[in-house]
C-alpha atoms as a PDB file:
ATOM      1  CA  MET A   1     -13.239 -10.853   3.361  1.00  0.00           C
ATOM      2  CA  CYS A   2     -13.757  -7.438   4.910  1.00  0.00           C
ATOM      3  CA  GLY A   3     -12.356  -4.692   2.705  1.00  0.00           C
ATOM      4  CA  ARG A   4     -14.281  -1.577   3.768  1.00  0.00           C
ATOM      5  CA  PHE A   5     -16.001  -0.590   7.004  1.00  0.00           C
ATOM      6  CA  ILE A   6     -17.160   2.475   8.921  1.00  0.00           C
ATOM      7  CA  ASP A   7     -15.951   4.047  12.142  1.00  0.00           C
ATOM      8  CA  PRO A   8     -17.878   3.218  15.313  1.00  0.00           C
ATOM      9  CA  ASN A   9     -19.977   5.830  17.057  1.00  0.00           C
ATOM     10  CA  LEU A  10     -18.250   6.037  20.438  1.00  0.00           C
ATOM     11  CA  ARG A  11     -20.137   9.097  21.682  1.00  0.00           C
ATOM     12  CA  GLY A  12     -21.723   8.380  25.038  1.00  0.00           C
ATOM     13  CA  THR A  13     -19.758   5.157  25.594  1.00  0.00           C
ATOM     14  CA  GLU A  14     -16.966   4.300  28.007  1.00  0.00           C
ATOM     15  CA  PHE A  15     -14.562   5.315  25.219  1.00  0.00           C
ATOM     16  CA  GLU A  16     -15.780   8.930  25.037  1.00  0.00           C
ATOM     17  CA  PHE A  17     -12.965  10.824  23.310  1.00  0.00           C
ATOM     18  CA  ALA A  18     -12.773  13.506  25.994  1.00  0.00           C
ATOM     19  CA  ASP A  19     -11.270  10.897  28.323  1.00  0.00           C
ATOM     20  CA  LEU A  20      -8.833   9.405  25.814  1.00  0.00           C
ATOM     21  CA  LYS A  21      -5.260  10.279  24.932  1.00  0.00           C
ATOM     22  CA  ILE A  22      -5.810   9.985  21.177  1.00  0.00           C
ATOM     23  CA  THR A  23      -7.139  12.540  18.736  1.00  0.00           C
ATOM     24  CA  PRO A  24     -10.404  11.278  17.205  1.00  0.00           C
ATOM     25  CA  PHE A  25     -10.857  11.102  13.438  1.00  0.00           C
ATOM     26  CA  PRO A  26     -13.713  12.865  11.685  1.00  0.00           C
ATOM     27  CA  ARG A  27     -16.087   9.924  11.468  1.00  0.00           C
ATOM     28  CA  ARG A  28     -15.458   7.958   8.262  1.00  0.00           C
ATOM     29  CA  PHE A  29     -18.006   5.898   6.355  1.00  0.00           C
ATOM     30  CA  ASN A  30     -15.658   4.150   3.911  1.00  0.00           C
ATOM     31  CA  ILE A  31     -12.439   3.153   5.687  1.00  0.00           C
ATOM     32  CA  LYS A  32      -9.944   1.630   3.293  1.00  0.00           C
ATOM     33  CA  PRO A  33      -6.802  -0.465   3.808  1.00  0.00           C
ATOM     34  CA  THR A  34      -3.663   1.384   4.991  1.00  0.00           C
ATOM     35  CA  GLN A  35      -5.730   3.979   6.888  1.00  0.00           C
ATOM     36  CA  GLU A  36      -5.519   4.317  10.670  1.00  0.00           C
ATOM     37  CA  VAL A  37      -8.289   2.506  12.551  1.00  0.00           C
ATOM     38  CA  TYR A  38      -9.293   2.226  16.189  1.00  0.00           C
ATOM     39  CA  VAL A  39      -8.097  -0.854  18.077  1.00  0.00           C
ATOM     40  CA  LEU A  40      -8.779  -1.938  21.652  1.00  0.00           C
ATOM     41  CA  LEU A  41      -5.772  -3.388  23.504  1.00  0.00           C
ATOM     42  CA  GLY A  42      -6.952  -4.581  26.896  1.00  0.00           C
ATOM     43  CA  LYS A  43      -8.686  -1.467  28.259  1.00  0.00           C
ATOM     44  CA  GLU A  44      -6.778   0.973  26.036  1.00  0.00           C
ATOM     45  CA  LEU A  45      -8.332   2.360  22.869  1.00  0.00           C
ATOM     46  CA  THR A  46      -5.598   3.318  20.442  1.00  0.00           C
ATOM     47  CA  CYS A  47      -4.934   3.394  16.688  1.00  0.00           C
ATOM     48  CA  ALA A  48      -3.169   1.170  14.172  1.00  0.00           C
ATOM     49  CA  ARG A  49      -2.592   1.064  10.432  1.00  0.00           C
ATOM     50  CA  TRP A  50      -4.990  -1.368   8.742  1.00  0.00           C
ATOM     51  CA  GLY A  51      -2.803  -3.909   6.959  1.00  0.00           C
ATOM     52  CA  LEU A  52      -0.611  -6.021   9.197  1.00  0.00           C
ATOM     53  CA  ILE A  53       3.157  -5.989   8.760  1.00  0.00           C
ATOM     54  CA  PRO A  54       4.936  -8.677  10.800  1.00  0.00           C
ATOM     55  CA  SER A  55       7.691  -7.525  13.120  1.00  0.00           C
ATOM     56  CA  TRP A  56      10.264  -9.589  11.216  1.00  0.00           C
ATOM     57  CA  HIS A  57       9.838  -7.656   7.941  1.00  0.00           C
ATOM     58  CA  LYS A  58      13.248  -6.150   7.091  1.00  0.00           C
ATOM     59  CA  GLY A  59      12.445  -3.912   4.123  1.00  0.00           C
ATOM     60  CA  GLU A  60      10.690  -0.585   3.792  1.00  0.00           C
ATOM     61  CA  LEU A  61       6.963  -0.122   4.231  1.00  0.00           C
ATOM     62  CA  LYS A  62       6.505   0.046   0.464  1.00  0.00           C
ATOM     63  CA  ASP A  63       8.313  -3.278   0.112  1.00  0.00           C
ATOM     64  CA  TRP A  64       5.590  -5.207   1.953  1.00  0.00           C
ATOM     65  CA  ARG A  65       3.424  -6.501  -0.908  1.00  0.00           C
ATOM     66  CA  ALA A  66       1.342  -9.195   0.769  1.00  0.00           C
ATOM     67  CA  SER A  67      -2.371  -8.600   1.348  1.00  0.00           C
ATOM     68  CA  THR A  68      -2.678  -8.746   5.124  1.00  0.00           C
ATOM     69  CA  ILE A  69      -5.770  -6.681   5.876  1.00  0.00           C
ATOM     70  CA  ASN A  70      -7.608  -9.934   6.680  1.00  0.00           C
ATOM     71  CA  ALA A  71      -6.484 -13.173   8.327  1.00  0.00           C
ATOM     72  CA  ARG A  72      -8.446 -16.430   8.172  1.00  0.00           C
ATOM     73  CA  ILE A  73      -9.186 -17.641  11.675  1.00  0.00           C
ATOM     74  CA  GLU A  74      -8.806 -21.215  10.432  1.00  0.00           C
ATOM     75  CA  GLU A  75      -5.165 -20.584   9.393  1.00  0.00           C
ATOM     76  CA  ALA A  76      -3.791 -17.530  11.200  1.00  0.00           C
ATOM     77  CA  ALA A  77      -2.171 -19.449  14.076  1.00  0.00           C
ATOM     78  CA  THR A  78       0.230 -21.168  11.661  1.00  0.00           C
ATOM     79  CA  LYS A  79       0.738 -18.540   8.942  1.00  0.00           C
ATOM     80  CA  PRO A  80       4.179 -16.852   9.184  1.00  0.00           C
ATOM     81  CA  SER A  81       2.698 -13.388   8.707  1.00  0.00           C
ATOM     82  CA  PHE A  82       0.157 -13.817  11.520  1.00  0.00           C
ATOM     83  CA  CYS A  83       1.412 -16.436  13.990  1.00  0.00           C
ATOM     84  CA  GLY A  84       3.323 -13.926  16.131  1.00  0.00           C
ATOM     85  CA  ALA A  85       0.331 -11.619  16.411  1.00  0.00           C
ATOM     86  CA  TRP A  86      -1.907 -14.630  17.113  1.00  0.00           C
ATOM     87  CA  ARG A  87       0.199 -15.394  20.180  1.00  0.00           C
ATOM     88  CA  TYR A  88       1.079 -11.905  21.412  1.00  0.00           C
ATOM     89  CA  GLY A  89      -0.995  -9.292  19.579  1.00  0.00           C
ATOM     90  CA  ARG A  90      -4.677  -9.999  20.047  1.00  0.00           C
ATOM     91  CA  CYS A  91      -6.964  -6.988  19.920  1.00  0.00           C
ATOM     92  CA  LEU A  92     -10.498  -5.872  19.109  1.00  0.00           C
ATOM     93  CA  ILE A  93     -11.369  -3.555  16.233  1.00  0.00           C
ATOM     94  CA  PRO A  94     -14.637  -1.614  16.694  1.00  0.00           C
ATOM     95  CA  ALA A  95     -16.790  -0.776  13.671  1.00  0.00           C
ATOM     96  CA  GLY A  96     -20.178   0.735  12.978  1.00  0.00           C
ATOM     97  CA  GLY A  97     -20.727  -1.746  10.130  1.00  0.00           C
ATOM     98  CA  TYR A  98     -19.021  -3.020   6.994  1.00  0.00           C
ATOM     99  CA  TYR A  99     -19.551  -3.441   3.253  1.00  0.00           C
ATOM    100  CA  GLU A 100     -19.545  -6.299   0.775  1.00  0.00           C
ATOM    101  CA  TRP A 101     -20.237  -6.183  -2.971  1.00  0.00           C
ATOM    102  CA  THR A 102     -22.186  -8.345  -5.403  1.00  0.00           C
ATOM    103  CA  GLY A 103     -22.057  -8.548  -9.182  1.00  0.00           C
ATOM    104  CA  SER A 104     -19.612  -9.933 -11.690  1.00  0.00           C
ATOM    105  CA  LYS A 105     -18.902  -6.676 -13.500  1.00  0.00           C
ATOM    106  CA  SER A 106     -18.154  -3.116 -12.438  1.00  0.00           C
ATOM    107  CA  PRO A 107     -19.865  -1.157 -11.043  1.00  0.00           C
ATOM    108  CA  LYS A 108     -20.710  -3.746  -8.419  1.00  0.00           C
ATOM    109  CA  GLN A 109     -23.548  -3.353  -5.940  1.00  0.00           C
ATOM    110  CA  PRO A 110     -22.495  -2.510  -2.354  1.00  0.00           C
ATOM    111  CA  HIS A 111     -24.327  -3.964   0.627  1.00  0.00           C
ATOM    112  CA  PHE A 112     -24.073  -2.539   4.136  1.00  0.00           C
ATOM    113  CA  PHE A 113     -23.909  -4.954   7.099  1.00  0.00           C
ATOM    114  CA  ALA A 114     -24.800  -4.099  10.696  1.00  0.00           C
ATOM    115  CA  SER A 115     -25.848  -6.022  13.779  1.00  0.00           C
ATOM    116  CA  ALA A 116     -29.208  -7.770  13.567  1.00  0.00           C
ATOM    117  CA  GLY A 117     -29.724  -6.889  17.235  1.00  0.00           C
ATOM    118  CA  ASN A 118     -29.508  -3.652  19.189  1.00  0.00           C
ATOM    119  CA  GLU A 119     -25.723  -3.384  19.257  1.00  0.00           C
ATOM    120  CA  GLU A 120     -24.506  -0.243  17.506  1.00  0.00           C
ATOM    121  CA  THR A 121     -20.850  -1.322  17.534  1.00  0.00           C
ATOM    122  CA  LEU A 122     -19.471  -4.485  15.970  1.00  0.00           C
ATOM    123  CA  TRP A 123     -16.334  -5.850  17.643  1.00  0.00           C
ATOM    124  CA  PHE A 124     -14.063  -7.583  15.132  1.00  0.00           C
ATOM    125  CA  ALA A 125     -11.423 -10.017  16.360  1.00  0.00           C
ATOM    126  CA  GLY A 126      -8.123  -8.432  15.379  1.00  0.00           C
ATOM    127  CA  LEU A 127      -4.398  -9.102  15.275  1.00  0.00           C
ATOM    128  CA  LEU A 128      -1.855  -6.398  16.024  1.00  0.00           C
ATOM    129  CA  SER A 129       1.827  -6.289  15.102  1.00  0.00           C
ATOM    130  CA  VAL A 130       4.344  -3.545  15.877  1.00  0.00           C
ATOM    131  CA  TRP A 131       6.774  -3.017  13.015  1.00  0.00           C
ATOM    132  CA  ASN A 132       9.474  -0.333  13.380  1.00  0.00           C
ATOM    133  CA  ASP A 133       7.357   1.396  16.079  1.00  0.00           C
ATOM    134  CA  LEU A 134       4.348   1.396  13.729  1.00  0.00           C
ATOM    135  CA  ARG A 135       1.254  -0.376  15.001  1.00  0.00           C
ATOM    136  CA  THR A 136      -0.406  -2.406  12.258  1.00  0.00           C
ATOM    137  CA  CYS A 137      -3.428  -4.693  12.349  1.00  0.00           C
ATOM    138  CA  ALA A 138      -5.565  -7.244  10.518  1.00  0.00           C
ATOM    139  CA  ILE A 139      -9.206  -8.272  10.837  1.00  0.00           C
ATOM    140  CA  LEU A 140      -9.931 -11.959  11.317  1.00  0.00           C
ATOM    141  CA  THR A 141     -12.470 -13.552   8.959  1.00  0.00           C
ATOM    142  CA  ARG A 142     -14.343 -16.834   8.958  1.00  0.00           C
ATOM    143  CA  ALA A 143     -16.790 -18.827   6.835  1.00  0.00           C
ATOM    144  CA  ALA A 144     -20.028 -16.856   6.542  1.00  0.00           C
ATOM    145  CA  ASN A 145     -23.162 -17.888   8.396  1.00  0.00           C
ATOM    146  CA  ASP A 146     -26.628 -17.830   6.839  1.00  0.00           C
ATOM    147  CA  THR A 147     -27.134 -14.107   7.459  1.00  0.00           C
ATOM    148  CA  VAL A 148     -24.212 -13.312   5.132  1.00  0.00           C
ATOM    149  CA  THR A 149     -24.083 -16.138   2.558  1.00  0.00           C
ATOM    150  CA  PRO A 150     -26.625 -14.511   0.180  1.00  0.00           C
ATOM    151  CA  VAL A 151     -23.950 -11.858  -0.430  1.00  0.00           C
ATOM    152  CA  HIS A 152     -20.549 -13.388   0.396  1.00  0.00           C
ATOM    153  CA  ASP A 153     -18.976 -16.651   1.543  1.00  0.00           C
ATOM    154  CA  ARG A 154     -16.769 -14.993   4.189  1.00  0.00           C
ATOM    155  CA  MET A 155     -17.469 -12.581   7.043  1.00  0.00           C
ATOM    156  CA  PRO A 156     -15.473 -10.808   9.755  1.00  0.00           C
ATOM    157  CA  VAL A 157     -15.152 -12.616  13.072  1.00  0.00           C
ATOM    158  CA  ILE A 158     -17.655 -10.528  15.056  1.00  0.00           C
ATOM    159  CA  LEU A 159     -17.571 -11.276  18.779  1.00  0.00           C
ATOM    160  CA  ASP A 160     -20.236 -11.103  21.454  1.00  0.00           C
ATOM    161  CA  SER A 161     -19.229 -10.044  24.984  1.00  0.00           C
ATOM    162  CA  ALA A 162     -18.306 -13.553  26.164  1.00  0.00           C
ATOM    163  CA  GLU A 163     -16.340 -14.332  23.005  1.00  0.00           C
ATOM    164  CA  ARG A 164     -14.403 -11.072  23.329  1.00  0.00           C
ATOM    165  CA  ASP A 165     -13.028 -12.257  26.653  1.00  0.00           C
ATOM    166  CA  ASP A 166     -12.229 -15.685  25.201  1.00  0.00           C
ATOM    167  CA  TRP A 167     -10.377 -14.134  22.276  1.00  0.00           C
ATOM    168  CA  LEU A 168      -8.338 -11.694  24.338  1.00  0.00           C
ATOM    169  CA  ASN A 169      -7.489 -14.408  26.880  1.00  0.00           C
ATOM    170  CA  GLY A 170      -5.835 -16.579  24.230  1.00  0.00           C
ATOM    171  CA  SER A 171      -8.539 -19.015  23.146  1.00  0.00           C
ATOM    172  CA  ASP A 172      -7.654 -21.091  20.079  1.00  0.00           C
ATOM    173  CA  ARG A 173     -11.314 -21.692  19.188  1.00  0.00           C
ATOM    174  CA  THR A 174     -11.958 -21.344  15.472  1.00  0.00           C
ATOM    175  CA  ASP A 175     -15.738 -21.187  15.887  1.00  0.00           C
ATOM    176  CA  LEU A 176     -15.640 -17.693  17.391  1.00  0.00           C
ATOM    177  CA  GLY A 177     -18.171 -15.403  15.707  1.00  0.00           C
ATOM    178  CA  ALA A 178     -19.974 -18.253  13.953  1.00  0.00           C
ATOM    179  CA  ALA A 179     -23.317 -17.455  15.560  1.00  0.00           C
ATOM    180  CA  TYR A 180     -23.238 -13.665  15.283  1.00  0.00           C
ATOM    181  CA  ARG A 181     -26.312 -12.405  13.398  1.00  0.00           C
ATOM    182  CA  VAL A 182     -26.129  -9.459  11.030  1.00  0.00           C
ATOM    183  CA  ARG A 183     -28.566  -7.754   8.681  1.00  0.00           C
ATOM    184  CA  HIS A 184     -27.771  -6.144   5.364  1.00  0.00           C
ATOM    185  CA  HIS A 185     -29.296  -4.011   2.647  1.00  0.00           C
ATOM    186  CA  GLU A 186     -28.203  -2.518  -0.647  1.00  0.00           C
ATOM    187  CA  VAL A 187     -26.851   1.033  -0.609  1.00  0.00           C
ATOM    188  CA  ALA A 188     -26.169   3.529  -3.362  1.00  0.00           C
ATOM    189  CA  ARG A 189     -22.939   2.915  -5.290  1.00  0.00           C
ATOM    190  CA  PHE A 190     -20.069   5.117  -4.180  1.00  0.00           C
ATOM    191  CA  GLY A 191     -16.523   5.910  -5.238  1.00  0.00           C
ATOM    192  CA  ILE A 192     -13.327   4.487  -3.805  1.00  0.00           C
ATOM    193  CA  ALA A 193     -12.562   7.589  -1.748  1.00  0.00           C
ATOM    194  CA  ASP A 194     -16.109   8.719  -0.881  1.00  0.00           C
ATOM    195  CA  GLY A 195     -16.486   9.052   2.864  1.00  0.00           C
ATOM    196  CA  SER A 196     -12.965   7.797   3.594  1.00  0.00           C
ATOM    197  CA  HIS A 197     -11.932  11.085   5.223  1.00  0.00           C
ATOM    198  CA  GLY A 198     -15.056  11.721   7.233  1.00  0.00           C
ATOM    199  CA  PHE A 199     -17.747  12.764   4.760  1.00  0.00           C
ATOM    200  CA  SER A 200     -18.958  12.037   1.240  1.00  0.00           C
ATOM    201  CA  SER A 201     -16.998  14.136  -1.254  1.00  0.00           C
ATOM    202  CA  ALA A 202     -19.943  14.366  -3.629  1.00  0.00           C
ATOM    203  CA  SER A 203     -20.499  18.103  -3.234  1.00  0.00           C
ATOM    204  CA  PRO A 204     -18.355  21.234  -2.745  1.00  0.00           C
ATOM    205  CA  ILE A 205     -20.133  22.116   0.479  1.00  0.00           C
ATOM    206  CA  THR A 206     -19.291  18.747   1.991  1.00  0.00           C
ATOM    207  CA  ARG A 207     -15.663  19.055   0.899  1.00  0.00           C
ATOM    208  CA  SER A 208     -15.577  22.396   2.725  1.00  0.00           C
ATOM    209  CA  ILE A 209     -17.034  20.841   5.860  1.00  0.00           C
ATOM    210  CA  ALA A 210     -14.462  18.049   5.747  1.00  0.00           C
ATOM    211  CA  LEU A 211     -11.634  20.557   5.230  1.00  0.00           C
ATOM    212  CA  ALA A 212     -12.748  22.770   8.080  1.00  0.00           C
ATOM    213  CA  ASN A 213     -13.221  19.933  10.553  1.00  0.00           C
ATOM    214  CA  SER A 214     -10.414  17.509   9.766  1.00  0.00           C
ATOM    215  CA  HIS A 215      -7.317  19.702  10.127  1.00  0.00           C
ATOM    216  CA  PRO A 216      -6.496  20.826  13.685  1.00  0.00           C
ATOM    217  CA  GLY A 217      -3.970  23.334  12.313  1.00  0.00           C
ATOM    218  CA  ILE A 218      -6.569  25.383  10.434  1.00  0.00           C
ATOM    219  CA  GLY A 219      -7.363  28.536  12.400  1.00  0.00           C
ATOM    220  CA  ARG A 220     -10.794  30.011  13.043  1.00  0.00           C
ATOM    221  CA  ARG A 221     -10.460  32.676  10.332  1.00  0.00           C
ATOM    222  CA  ASP A 222      -9.320  30.096   7.739  1.00  0.00           C
ATOM    223  CA  ARG A 223     -12.170  27.782   8.702  1.00  0.00           C
ATOM    224  CA  ARG A 224     -14.679  30.530   8.110  1.00  0.00           C
ATOM    225  CA  GLN A 225     -13.112  31.327   4.746  1.00  0.00           C
ATOM    226  CA  ALA A 226     -13.264  27.659   3.766  1.00  0.00           C
ATOM    227  CA  LEU A 227     -16.980  27.636   4.503  1.00  0.00           C
ATOM    228  CA  ARG A 228     -17.825  30.999   2.952  1.00  0.00           C
ATOM    229  CA  GLY A 229     -19.560  31.589  -0.353  1.00  0.00           C
ATOM    230  CA  ARG A 230     -23.035  30.161   0.221  1.00  0.00           C
ATOM    231  CA  THR A 231     -26.177  31.459   1.897  1.00  0.00           C
ATOM    232  CA  HIS A 232     -25.016  30.207   5.271  1.00  0.00           C
ATOM    233  CA  THR A 233     -21.683  29.749   6.954  1.00  0.00           C
ATOM    234  CA  VAL A 234     -21.925  26.116   7.934  1.00  0.00           C
ATOM    235  CA  MET A 235     -20.242  23.824  10.416  1.00  0.00           C
ATOM    236  CA  CYS A 236     -20.746  20.187  11.212  1.00  0.00           C
ATOM    237  CA  THR A 237     -20.991  18.565  14.616  1.00  0.00           C
ATOM    238  CA  VAL A 238     -21.922  14.969  15.265  1.00  0.00           C
ATOM    239  CA  PHE A 239     -25.230  14.016  16.866  1.00  0.00           C
ATOM    240  CA  ASP A 240     -27.786  11.333  16.177  1.00  0.00           C
ATOM    241  CA  MET A 241     -30.334  12.394  13.579  1.00  0.00           C
ATOM    242  CA  ALA A 242     -33.691  11.014  12.547  1.00  0.00           C
ATOM    243  CA  PRO A 243     -34.391  10.709   8.798  1.00  0.00           C
ATOM    244  CA  ALA A 244     -37.223  13.239   9.168  1.00  0.00           C
ATOM    245  CA  ASP A 245     -34.655  15.886  10.129  1.00  0.00           C
ATOM    246  CA  PHE A 246     -33.182  15.873   6.609  1.00  0.00           C
ATOM    247  CA  GLN A 247     -35.672  18.580   5.672  1.00  0.00           C
ATOM    248  CA  ASN A 248     -33.866  20.912   8.092  1.00  0.00           C
ATOM    249  CA  VAL A 249     -30.665  20.765   6.046  1.00  0.00           C
ATOM    250  CA  PRO A 250     -30.850  23.920   3.889  1.00  0.00           C
ATOM    251  CA  ASP A 251     -28.456  23.038   1.099  1.00  0.00           C
ATOM    252  CA  PRO A 252     -29.833  20.409  -1.333  1.00  0.00           C
ATOM    253  CA  LEU A 253     -26.407  18.947  -2.142  1.00  0.00           C
ATOM    254  CA  ALA A 254     -25.506  18.596   1.526  1.00  0.00           C
ATOM    255  CA  ARG A 255     -28.938  17.103   2.169  1.00  0.00           C
ATOM    256  CA  ALA A 256     -28.246  14.504  -0.541  1.00  0.00           C
ATOM    257  CA  ASP A 257     -24.923  13.699   1.109  1.00  0.00           C
ATOM    258  CA  ALA A 258     -26.634  13.288   4.489  1.00  0.00           C
ATOM    259  CA  GLN A 259     -29.115  10.896   2.935  1.00  0.00           C
ATOM    260  CA  PHE A 260     -26.271   8.964   1.274  1.00  0.00           C
ATOM    261  CA  ILE A 261     -24.558   8.522   4.618  1.00  0.00           C
ATOM    262  CA  ASP A 262     -27.870   7.545   6.201  1.00  0.00           C
ATOM    263  CA  GLN A 263     -28.282   4.806   3.582  1.00  0.00           C
ATOM    264  CA  SER A 264     -24.745   3.618   4.284  1.00  0.00           C
ATOM    265  CA  ARG A 265     -25.459   3.368   8.001  1.00  0.00           C
ATOM    266  CA  GLY A 266     -28.826   1.716   7.658  1.00  0.00           C
ATOM    267  CA  GLY A 267     -31.020   4.651   8.659  1.00  0.00           C
ATOM    268  CA  CYS A 268     -29.060   6.208  11.525  1.00  0.00           C
ATOM    269  CA  CYS A 269     -27.358   9.306  10.188  1.00  0.00           C
ATOM    270  CA  ASP A 270     -25.067  11.809  11.867  1.00  0.00           C
ATOM    271  CA  ARG A 271     -26.595  15.241  12.112  1.00  0.00           C
ATOM    272  CA  PHE A 272     -25.329  18.043   9.908  1.00  0.00           C
ATOM    273  CA  LYS A 273     -25.957  21.147  12.020  1.00  0.00           C
ATOM    274  CA  PHE A 274     -26.274  24.251   9.866  1.00  0.00           C
ATOM    275  CA  GLY A 275     -26.708  27.886  10.747  1.00  0.00           C
ATOM    276  CA  PRO A 276     -25.340  31.361  10.023  1.00  0.00           C
ATOM    277  CA  HIS A 277     -21.985  32.038  11.687  1.00  0.00           C
ATOM    278  CA  THR A 278     -21.970  28.787  13.610  1.00  0.00           C
ATOM    279  CA  LYS A 279     -19.036  28.731  15.992  1.00  0.00           C
ATOM    280  CA  PRO A 280     -16.291  26.530  14.462  1.00  0.00           C
ATOM    281  CA  ARG A 281     -15.252  23.412  16.332  1.00  0.00           C
ATOM    282  CA  GLN A 282     -11.629  23.595  17.385  1.00  0.00           C
ATOM    283  CA  GLY A 283      -9.632  20.613  16.081  1.00  0.00           C
END
């Protein structure tokens, strides 16, 4: 199964947020079920709630109890919860990587999976269903190949460029994604909510950064107050960062958080840009 993944890095791609009609999330490194995720419908990048609810569901949102974050590609075409989306709601779900866990007892050991090649973004085969005007989605899974079986017996259906077209054009192939190669490594154990709202919540300074960046309604004065009380007023913007640049992060707790995120992404961390009275990012 695929139960946690990270947001893709879409900076510098054809889906640059400046050209889109959606408000980007602060980049999250531990997306959990029921959160909004990016989905690609044709050429449109939009958002959907992770956890598919079929259009025929008549109750309230809280009444839907089935686990529908994942759909087996071997069965989805005939399952009542997924068959409608299989026919009419195919989509792609971009990710920067995903997690699986090993161990029989808690705390289990997380492993981070990314492409074994040069691709920064993984494209999961997805199903989308609109329920009461709410877009919802599921990630397709399949039997794991040999790059995943040391950790888990299932994997997301990760598509190469040719398979993406096949999937979106209605192919009923169940071998999609079988040959996709990934790499994985162990990462430090983390909590259920760590990184799920954009940054690790391990330190007060990182909580302040998340607060100041994730709420468009917070004004400039309030942002500065949220970030006050340490040697520097700090603000975060997202750029690629080499591991050697960690030494430039002045606060030791924030530096530890940056290194945690770097481990989670397999050595390609987002830059934490620090400085006195850095101009706050609007929204």
